[in-house]
Amino acid sequence: MLLKLINKFLKQPLKLEMFVPCDENGNVLEEPEKYGWLQNVGSRNSYATEQECIDCETFHLAKQKVLFEGFEMSIEKNAIINNGKKIIRIHGNNTFSLNGKLIITIEDLLNTNTNTMSKEFKGTQGEWKIDLEYKSIERVQIIDSNNNGFIDVWKLGKSTKEEMKANAKLISKAPEMLEALQFFVNNNMLSVIGEEVVERLINEILE
């Protein structure tokens, strides 16, 4: 019986009111100015008008419906923020995404890794660079920070020497690009759409 109740809870569709206080129409409520003053919400208080008491009671009831604490709306109203970082996107009509993936139920949210930066790159660590001392017209070698070669870029088929070198340059910059993308996401330096794309790419790289 208990397992059935837990499963039923996890299958609930996500709603904005689970993250931040909302009214009956799903509109986000701001905390009333005198909310902290009123110990008994809705009671008459010499420092609050009747409407202020009603507003405080409405906010209090909405706050009780919040399941996940510590969230707030972004300024743009298109994301839910936790500890200053946008992690859950809002696409309207109680549709959300996290790390570029659609999340529909509470279970989806709990099963999704909320921190892209917590993942680590499993490939060769340190700086990647092209070995300028490696002489070949058919191959360019990429070496690690210890000057050990670990990637060979070949000129095959109808590809040109210029294409081979350009491919090698792009590959050698991959760790720096990954680090830069993670920095941009972690510091909210991208647009909502741009950040979704970057988060998806980062997760695919680090899987």
C-alpha atoms as a PDB file:
ATOM      1  CA  MET A   1       0.000   0.000   0.000  1.00  0.00           C
ATOM      2  CA  LEU A   2       2.798   2.394   0.928  1.00  0.00           C
ATOM      3  CA  LEU A   3       4.674   1.652  -2.305  1.00  0.00           C
ATOM      4  CA  LYS A   4       1.529   2.385  -4.308  1.00  0.00           C
ATOM      5  CA  LEU A   5       1.163   5.753  -2.589  1.00  0.00           C
ATOM      6  CA  ILE A   6       4.818   6.600  -3.246  1.00  0.00           C
ATOM      7  CA  ASN A   7       4.492   5.593  -6.880  1.00  0.00           C
ATOM      8  CA  LYS A   8       1.329   7.685  -7.230  1.00  0.00           C
ATOM      9  CA  PHE A   9       3.158  10.670  -5.734  1.00  0.00           C
ATOM     10  CA  LEU A  10       6.125  10.282  -8.094  1.00  0.00           C
ATOM     11  CA  LYS A  11       3.847  10.083 -11.138  1.00  0.00           C
ATOM     12  CA  GLN A  12       2.258  13.463 -10.393  1.00  0.00           C
ATOM     13  CA  PRO A  13       2.755  15.971 -13.226  1.00  0.00           C
ATOM     14  CA  LEU A  14       4.996  18.886 -12.315  1.00  0.00           C
ATOM     15  CA  LYS A  15       3.350  22.235 -11.675  1.00  0.00           C
ATOM     16  CA  LEU A  16       4.849  25.649 -11.111  1.00  0.00           C
ATOM     17  CA  GLU A  17       3.150  25.789  -7.687  1.00  0.00           C
ATOM     18  CA  MET A  18       5.410  22.920  -6.575  1.00  0.00           C
ATOM     19  CA  PHE A  19       8.415  25.262  -6.822  1.00  0.00           C
ATOM     20  CA  VAL A  20       7.114  28.734  -5.983  1.00  0.00           C
ATOM     21  CA  PRO A  21       3.887  30.053  -4.392  1.00  0.00           C
ATOM     22  CA  CYS A  22       1.153  30.523  -7.013  1.00  0.00           C
ATOM     23  CA  ASP A  23      -2.487  31.556  -6.972  1.00  0.00           C
ATOM     24  CA  GLU A  24      -5.334  29.343  -8.186  1.00  0.00           C
ATOM     25  CA  ASN A  25      -4.668  30.420 -11.782  1.00  0.00           C
ATOM     26  CA  GLY A  26      -1.005  29.479 -11.656  1.00  0.00           C
ATOM     27  CA  ASN A  27       0.280  33.039 -11.365  1.00  0.00           C
ATOM     28  CA  VAL A  28       3.393  33.461  -9.224  1.00  0.00           C
ATOM     29  CA  LEU A  29       2.748  35.295  -5.958  1.00  0.00           C
ATOM     30  CA  GLU A  30       5.195  37.759  -4.460  1.00  0.00           C
ATOM     31  CA  GLU A  31       5.666  37.606  -0.705  1.00  0.00           C
ATOM     32  CA  PRO A  32       3.518  40.359   0.860  1.00  0.00           C
ATOM     33  CA  GLU A  33       5.488  43.121   2.533  1.00  0.00           C
ATOM     34  CA  LYS A  34       3.924  42.452   5.942  1.00  0.00           C
ATOM     35  CA  TYR A  35       3.856  38.660   5.695  1.00  0.00           C
ATOM     36  CA  GLY A  36       6.618  38.266   8.275  1.00  0.00           C
ATOM     37  CA  TRP A  37       4.837  40.550  10.735  1.00  0.00           C
ATOM     38  CA  LEU A  38       1.705  38.494  10.946  1.00  0.00           C
ATOM     39  CA  GLN A  39       2.145  35.536  13.242  1.00  0.00           C
ATOM     40  CA  ASN A  40      -1.420  34.390  12.690  1.00  0.00           C
ATOM     41  CA  VAL A  41      -2.000  34.667   8.966  1.00  0.00           C
ATOM     42  CA  GLY A  42      -5.311  36.285   8.102  1.00  0.00           C
ATOM     43  CA  SER A  43      -5.959  37.584  11.599  1.00  0.00           C
ATOM     44  CA  ARG A  44      -6.626  41.268  12.152  1.00  0.00           C
ATOM     45  CA  ASN A  45      -3.548  43.214  13.051  1.00  0.00           C
ATOM     46  CA  SER A  46      -3.206  46.876  13.894  1.00  0.00           C
ATOM     47  CA  TYR A  47      -0.273  47.126  11.473  1.00  0.00           C
ATOM     48  CA  ALA A  48      -2.081  45.533   8.529  1.00  0.00           C
ATOM     49  CA  THR A  49      -5.240  46.340   6.582  1.00  0.00           C
ATOM     50  CA  GLU A  50      -7.904  43.753   5.860  1.00  0.00           C
ATOM     51  CA  GLN A  51      -6.611  43.345   2.312  1.00  0.00           C
ATOM     52  CA  GLU A  52      -3.057  42.899   3.543  1.00  0.00           C
ATOM     53  CA  CYS A  53      -4.247  40.141   5.866  1.00  0.00           C
ATOM     54  CA  ILE A  54      -6.081  38.432   2.992  1.00  0.00           C
ATOM     55  CA  ASP A  55      -2.994  38.689   0.791  1.00  0.00           C
ATOM     56  CA  CYS A  56      -0.849  37.180   3.531  1.00  0.00           C
ATOM     57  CA  GLU A  57      -3.276  34.301   4.048  1.00  0.00           C
ATOM     58  CA  THR A  58      -3.399  33.619   0.294  1.00  0.00           C
ATOM     59  CA  PHE A  59       0.387  33.594   0.118  1.00  0.00           C
ATOM     60  CA  HIS A  60       0.639  31.348   3.182  1.00  0.00           C
ATOM     61  CA  LEU A  61      -1.733  28.767   1.701  1.00  0.00           C
ATOM     62  CA  ALA A  62       0.142  28.851  -1.615  1.00  0.00           C
ATOM     63  CA  LYS A  63       3.449  28.422   0.180  1.00  0.00           C
ATOM     64  CA  GLN A  64       2.163  25.243   1.832  1.00  0.00           C
ATOM     65  CA  LYS A  65       1.761  23.667  -1.625  1.00  0.00           C
ATOM     66  CA  VAL A  66       5.445  24.141  -2.454  1.00  0.00           C
ATOM     67  CA  LEU A  67       7.190  20.755  -2.513  1.00  0.00           C
ATOM     68  CA  PHE A  68      10.686  21.826  -3.536  1.00  0.00           C
ATOM     69  CA  GLU A  69      12.089  24.609  -1.373  1.00  0.00           C
ATOM     70  CA  GLY A  70      14.788  27.117  -2.258  1.00  0.00           C
ATOM     71  CA  PHE A  71      13.474  28.030  -5.705  1.00  0.00           C
ATOM     72  CA  GLU A  72      12.527  31.419  -7.109  1.00  0.00           C
ATOM     73  CA  MET A  73      11.540  32.802 -10.491  1.00  0.00           C
ATOM     74  CA  SER A  74      14.126  34.329 -12.797  1.00  0.00           C
ATOM     75  CA  ILE A  75      13.737  37.987 -13.712  1.00  0.00           C
ATOM     76  CA  GLU A  76      12.674  36.963 -17.208  1.00  0.00           C
ATOM     77  CA  LYS A  77      10.018  34.622 -15.760  1.00  0.00           C
ATOM     78  CA  ASN A  78      11.227  31.834 -18.037  1.00  0.00           C
ATOM     79  CA  ALA A  79      13.224  29.773 -15.571  1.00  0.00           C
ATOM     80  CA  ILE A  80      13.168  28.632 -11.957  1.00  0.00           C
ATOM     81  CA  ILE A  81      16.329  29.529 -10.064  1.00  0.00           C
ATOM     82  CA  ASN A  82      17.966  27.644  -7.230  1.00  0.00           C
ATOM     83  CA  ASN A  83      20.883  29.304  -5.413  1.00  0.00           C
ATOM     84  CA  GLY A  84      21.221  31.895  -8.158  1.00  0.00           C
ATOM     85  CA  LYS A  85      21.528  29.362 -11.004  1.00  0.00           C
ATOM     86  CA  LYS A  86      18.884  28.737 -13.630  1.00  0.00           C
ATOM     87  CA  ILE A  87      18.301  25.010 -13.684  1.00  0.00           C
ATOM     88  CA  ILE A  88      14.674  24.444 -14.696  1.00  0.00           C
ATOM     89  CA  ARG A  89      13.261  26.002 -17.858  1.00  0.00           C
ATOM     90  CA  ILE A  90       9.622  26.997 -18.171  1.00  0.00           C
ATOM     91  CA  HIS A  91       8.001  26.533 -21.574  1.00  0.00           C
ATOM     92  CA  GLY A  92       4.472  27.521 -20.595  1.00  0.00           C
ATOM     93  CA  ASN A  93       1.427  25.526 -19.491  1.00  0.00           C
ATOM     94  CA  ASN A  94       3.376  23.697 -16.771  1.00  0.00           C
ATOM     95  CA  THR A  95       5.913  22.328 -19.244  1.00  0.00           C
ATOM     96  CA  PHE A  96       9.496  22.176 -17.978  1.00  0.00           C
ATOM     97  CA  SER A  97      12.931  21.044 -19.097  1.00  0.00           C
ATOM     98  CA  LEU A  98      16.153  20.361 -17.247  1.00  0.00           C
ATOM     99  CA  ASN A  99      19.573  20.063 -18.878  1.00  0.00           C
ATOM    100  CA  GLY A 100      17.854  20.171 -22.252  1.00  0.00           C
ATOM    101  CA  LYS A 101      15.526  17.278 -21.411  1.00  0.00           C
ATOM    102  CA  LEU A 102      11.768  17.497 -20.981  1.00  0.00           C
ATOM    103  CA  ILE A 103      10.626  16.689 -17.438  1.00  0.00           C
ATOM    104  CA  ILE A 104       6.959  15.874 -16.935  1.00  0.00           C
ATOM    105  CA  THR A 105       6.593  14.214 -13.538  1.00  0.00           C
ATOM    106  CA  ILE A 106       8.150  14.466 -10.082  1.00  0.00           C
ATOM    107  CA  GLU A 107       9.938  11.207 -10.859  1.00  0.00           C
ATOM    108  CA  ASP A 108      11.492  12.756 -13.987  1.00  0.00           C
ATOM    109  CA  LEU A 109      12.836  15.629 -11.894  1.00  0.00           C
ATOM    110  CA  LEU A 110      14.327  13.375  -9.234  1.00  0.00           C
ATOM    111  CA  ASN A 111      15.972  11.149 -11.833  1.00  0.00           C
ATOM    112  CA  THR A 112      17.636  14.004 -13.684  1.00  0.00           C
ATOM    113  CA  ASN A 113      21.092  15.248 -12.801  1.00  0.00           C
ATOM    114  CA  THR A 114      20.604  18.923 -11.985  1.00  0.00           C
ATOM    115  CA  ASN A 115      24.240  19.925 -12.056  1.00  0.00           C
ATOM    116  CA  THR A 116      26.031  19.835 -15.401  1.00  0.00           C
ATOM    117  CA  MET A 117      29.237  21.085 -13.781  1.00  0.00           C
ATOM    118  CA  SER A 118      29.366  18.064 -11.435  1.00  0.00           C
ATOM    119  CA  LYS A 119      30.180  15.760 -14.366  1.00  0.00           C
ATOM    120  CA  GLU A 120      33.796  15.245 -15.300  1.00  0.00           C
ATOM    121  CA  PHE A 121      35.432  14.720 -18.675  1.00  0.00           C
ATOM    122  CA  LYS A 122      36.676  11.124 -18.848  1.00  0.00           C
ATOM    123  CA  GLY A 123      39.108  11.642 -21.713  1.00  0.00           C
ATOM    124  CA  THR A 124      42.736  12.749 -21.749  1.00  0.00           C
ATOM    125  CA  GLN A 125      43.256  15.490 -19.179  1.00  0.00           C
ATOM    126  CA  GLY A 126      45.284  18.675 -19.570  1.00  0.00           C
ATOM    127  CA  GLU A 127      46.110  20.759 -22.614  1.00  0.00           C
ATOM    128  CA  TRP A 128      45.818  19.345 -26.116  1.00  0.00           C
ATOM    129  CA  LYS A 129      48.053  20.762 -28.844  1.00  0.00           C
ATOM    130  CA  ILE A 130      49.334  20.016 -32.312  1.00  0.00           C
ATOM    131  CA  ASP A 131      52.835  18.531 -32.428  1.00  0.00           C
ATOM    132  CA  LEU A 132      54.667  21.077 -34.572  1.00  0.00           C
ATOM    133  CA  GLU A 133      57.768  18.871 -34.685  1.00  0.00           C
ATOM    134  CA  TYR A 134      55.880  15.954 -36.211  1.00  0.00           C
ATOM    135  CA  LYS A 135      56.630  16.064 -39.952  1.00  0.00           C
ATOM    136  CA  SER A 136      54.187  14.358 -42.296  1.00  0.00           C
ATOM    137  CA  ILE A 137      52.149  15.425 -45.305  1.00  0.00           C
ATOM    138  CA  GLU A 138      49.499  12.778 -44.621  1.00  0.00           C
ATOM    139  CA  ARG A 139      49.023  13.061 -40.874  1.00  0.00           C
ATOM    140  CA  VAL A 140      48.924  15.606 -38.043  1.00  0.00           C
ATOM    141  CA  GLN A 141      49.486  14.423 -34.494  1.00  0.00           C
ATOM    142  CA  ILE A 142      47.858  15.881 -31.376  1.00  0.00           C
ATOM    143  CA  ILE A 143      49.822  15.569 -28.148  1.00  0.00           C
ATOM    144  CA  ASP A 144      48.884  15.938 -24.488  1.00  0.00           C
ATOM    145  CA  SER A 145      50.474  18.096 -21.795  1.00  0.00           C
ATOM    146  CA  ASN A 146      53.264  15.517 -21.448  1.00  0.00           C
ATOM    147  CA  ASN A 147      54.011  15.697 -25.190  1.00  0.00           C
ATOM    148  CA  ASN A 148      52.666  12.217 -25.756  1.00  0.00           C
ATOM    149  CA  GLY A 149      50.816  11.705 -29.010  1.00  0.00           C
ATOM    150  CA  PHE A 150      47.314  10.269 -28.616  1.00  0.00           C
ATOM    151  CA  ILE A 151      45.305  11.450 -31.654  1.00  0.00           C
ATOM    152  CA  ASP A 152      46.263  11.173 -35.299  1.00  0.00           C
ATOM    153  CA  VAL A 153      44.405  13.254 -37.892  1.00  0.00           C
ATOM    154  CA  TRP A 154      44.859  11.843 -41.380  1.00  0.00           C
ATOM    155  CA  LYS A 155      44.539  13.252 -44.875  1.00  0.00           C
ATOM    156  CA  LEU A 156      42.420  10.619 -46.578  1.00  0.00           C
ATOM    157  CA  GLY A 157      40.613  10.326 -49.883  1.00  0.00           C
ATOM    158  CA  LYS A 158      39.923  13.640 -51.531  1.00  0.00           C
ATOM    159  CA  SER A 159      40.531  15.700 -48.402  1.00  0.00           C
ATOM    160  CA  THR A 160      43.186  18.397 -48.644  1.00  0.00           C
ATOM    161  CA  LYS A 161      46.159  19.178 -46.442  1.00  0.00           C
ATOM    162  CA  GLU A 162      44.414  22.388 -45.369  1.00  0.00           C
ATOM    163  CA  GLU A 163      41.349  20.422 -44.264  1.00  0.00           C
ATOM    164  CA  MET A 164      43.536  18.014 -42.309  1.00  0.00           C
ATOM    165  CA  LYS A 165      45.236  20.876 -40.460  1.00  0.00           C
ATOM    166  CA  ALA A 166      41.921  22.656 -39.812  1.00  0.00           C
ATOM    167  CA  ASN A 167      40.409  19.449 -38.392  1.00  0.00           C
ATOM    168  CA  ALA A 168      43.418  18.989 -36.135  1.00  0.00           C
ATOM    169  CA  LYS A 169      43.158  22.575 -34.866  1.00  0.00           C
ATOM    170  CA  LEU A 170      39.476  22.116 -34.030  1.00  0.00           C
ATOM    171  CA  ILE A 171      40.093  18.851 -32.187  1.00  0.00           C
ATOM    172  CA  SER A 172      43.035  20.308 -30.228  1.00  0.00           C
ATOM    173  CA  LYS A 173      40.796  23.106 -28.918  1.00  0.00           C
ATOM    174  CA  ALA A 174      38.013  20.768 -27.754  1.00  0.00           C
ATOM    175  CA  PRO A 175      38.971  20.734 -24.010  1.00  0.00           C
ATOM    176  CA  GLU A 176      39.148  24.537 -23.916  1.00  0.00           C
ATOM    177  CA  MET A 177      35.786  24.854 -25.666  1.00  0.00           C
ATOM    178  CA  LEU A 178      34.190  22.405 -23.227  1.00  0.00           C
ATOM    179  CA  GLU A 179      35.610  24.321 -20.260  1.00  0.00           C
ATOM    180  CA  ALA A 180      34.367  27.624 -21.695  1.00  0.00           C
ATOM    181  CA  LEU A 181      30.860  26.265 -22.304  1.00  0.00           C
ATOM    182  CA  GLN A 182      30.674  24.911 -18.753  1.00  0.00           C
ATOM    183  CA  PHE A 183      31.780  28.304 -17.423  1.00  0.00           C
ATOM    184  CA  PHE A 184      29.135  30.129 -19.477  1.00  0.00           C
ATOM    185  CA  VAL A 185      26.361  27.812 -18.271  1.00  0.00           C
ATOM    186  CA  ASN A 186      27.461  27.888 -14.639  1.00  0.00           C
ATOM    187  CA  ASN A 187      27.552  31.695 -14.596  1.00  0.00           C
ATOM    188  CA  ASN A 188      24.277  32.301 -16.477  1.00  0.00           C
ATOM    189  CA  MET A 189      26.049  34.024 -19.376  1.00  0.00           C
ATOM    190  CA  LEU A 190      23.858  32.581 -22.135  1.00  0.00           C
ATOM    191  CA  SER A 191      20.326  33.210 -23.352  1.00  0.00           C
ATOM    192  CA  VAL A 192      17.690  30.663 -22.307  1.00  0.00           C
ATOM    193  CA  ILE A 193      17.625  29.008 -25.746  1.00  0.00           C
ATOM    194  CA  GLY A 194      21.404  29.139 -26.045  1.00  0.00           C
ATOM    195  CA  GLU A 195      21.896  27.660 -22.603  1.00  0.00           C
ATOM    196  CA  GLU A 196      19.544  24.765 -23.355  1.00  0.00           C
ATOM    197  CA  VAL A 197      21.526  23.923 -26.488  1.00  0.00           C
ATOM    198  CA  VAL A 198      24.860  24.184 -24.668  1.00  0.00           C
ATOM    199  CA  GLU A 199      23.666  22.099 -21.708  1.00  0.00           C
ATOM    200  CA  ARG A 200      22.509  19.377 -24.106  1.00  0.00           C
ATOM    201  CA  LEU A 201      25.876  19.381 -25.878  1.00  0.00           C
ATOM    202  CA  ILE A 202      27.812  19.271 -22.612  1.00  0.00           C
ATOM    203  CA  ASN A 203      25.761  16.335 -21.339  1.00  0.00           C
ATOM    204  CA  GLU A 204      26.280  14.444 -24.593  1.00  0.00           C
ATOM    205  CA  ILE A 205      30.046  15.032 -24.366  1.00  0.00           C
ATOM    206  CA  LEU A 206      30.261  13.944 -20.726  1.00  0.00           C
ATOM    207  CA  GLU A 207      28.015  10.883 -20.933  1.00  0.00           C
END
